[in-house]
Protein backbone atom coordinates (compact mmCIF):
# COMPACT_ATOMS: atom_id res chain seq x y z
CA MET A 1 -167.26 -93.65 68.24
CA ALA A 2 -164.00 -92.25 69.70
CA TYR A 3 -160.59 -93.95 68.94
CA SER A 4 -160.11 -94.39 72.69
CA ASP A 5 -163.40 -96.33 72.96
CA PHE A 6 -161.83 -99.34 70.91
CA THR A 7 -159.73 -102.09 72.23
CA LEU A 8 -157.36 -104.18 70.05
CA SER A 9 -159.44 -107.42 71.11
CA GLN A 10 -162.67 -105.61 70.05
CA ALA A 11 -161.19 -104.68 66.55
CA GLN A 12 -159.92 -108.29 66.16
CA SER A 13 -163.39 -109.69 66.91
CA SER A 14 -165.39 -107.11 65.14
CA PHE A 15 -163.32 -107.26 61.82
CA ASN A 16 -162.07 -110.92 62.04
CA LEU A 17 -158.52 -109.72 62.14
CA THR A 18 -155.41 -111.89 62.82
CA LEU A 19 -152.50 -110.29 64.86
CA ASP A 20 -149.08 -111.06 63.51
CA GLU A 21 -146.37 -109.76 65.70
CA THR A 22 -143.63 -111.86 64.06
CA VAL A 23 -142.87 -109.28 61.31
CA ASN A 24 -141.17 -105.98 61.96
CA LEU A 25 -142.65 -103.74 59.17
CA PHE A 26 -140.34 -100.90 60.02
CA ASN A 27 -137.07 -102.71 60.21
CA ASP A 28 -135.59 -101.00 57.27
CA VAL A 29 -137.12 -97.47 57.89
CA SER A 30 -134.61 -94.87 59.00
CA PRO A 31 -135.42 -92.40 61.52
CA VAL A 32 -136.23 -88.91 60.50
CA SER A 33 -135.84 -85.83 62.55
CA PRO A 34 -138.86 -83.46 63.14
CA SER A 35 -138.54 -80.05 61.81
CA GLU A 36 -137.64 -77.09 64.10
CA ILE A 37 -141.04 -75.71 63.65
CA LEU A 38 -142.58 -79.00 64.69
CA LYS A 39 -140.42 -79.18 67.79
CA THR A 40 -141.39 -75.55 68.80
CA ILE A 41 -145.06 -76.38 68.11
CA LEU A 42 -145.08 -79.44 70.14
CA ALA A 43 -143.21 -77.76 73.04
CA ASP A 44 -145.72 -75.04 73.06
CA TYR A 45 -148.88 -77.10 72.82
CA ILE A 46 -148.40 -80.54 74.24
CA PRO A 47 -148.96 -79.06 77.70
CA LEU A 48 -152.12 -77.32 76.48
CA ALA A 49 -153.41 -80.56 74.82
CA THR A 50 -152.72 -82.74 77.74
CA SER A 51 -154.26 -80.27 80.18
CA ILE A 52 -157.51 -80.06 78.13
CA GLY A 53 -157.44 -83.76 78.06
CA THR A 54 -159.81 -84.64 75.10
CA GLU A 55 -159.12 -86.41 71.86
CA LYS A 56 -160.06 -83.34 69.98
CA ALA A 57 -157.30 -81.39 71.77
CA ARG A 58 -154.78 -84.01 71.19
CA SER A 59 -155.82 -84.31 67.57
CA GLU A 60 -155.52 -80.52 67.03
CA PHE A 61 -152.46 -79.62 68.97
CA ILE A 62 -150.35 -82.81 68.74
CA ILE A 63 -151.44 -85.08 65.82
CA ALA A 64 -152.21 -82.59 63.23
CA PRO A 65 -148.80 -80.82 63.48
CA ILE A 66 -147.04 -84.12 63.28
CA LEU A 67 -149.14 -85.02 60.14
CA ALA A 68 -148.43 -81.66 58.54
CA ASP A 69 -144.60 -82.16 59.20
CA CYS A 70 -144.82 -85.58 57.53
CA LYS A 71 -146.55 -84.04 54.48
CA GLU A 72 -143.85 -81.39 54.30
CA LEU A 73 -141.06 -83.97 54.59
CA LEU A 74 -142.70 -86.05 51.74
CA ASN A 75 -142.76 -82.96 49.55
CA ASN A 76 -146.62 -82.93 49.57
CA LYS A 77 -146.95 -86.40 47.99
CA ILE A 78 -149.65 -87.28 50.59
CA SER A 79 -152.95 -85.63 51.36
CA LEU A 80 -154.63 -85.04 54.77
CA PHE A 81 -158.38 -85.12 55.31
CA SER A 82 -159.47 -84.00 58.54
CA GLY A 83 -162.56 -85.59 60.11
CA ASN A 84 -162.70 -88.52 57.57
């Protein structure tokens, strides 16, 4: 099932989740600037991804480059598994 087919209320119900909006998990996280190559890739491919308009296009042309940049910023201390 595609990500866009889920709603927050569905996930809460299906997985018996409790939503806690009182804690800011990212309060102590400093912003990180994207690499120049990521800026270039996104400038070139966001229009393509949005014109195609599918989740696969967004995943390939927007999300994957962002995740790859994160991996690089973290000195390859994380792994990425496409399709899992």
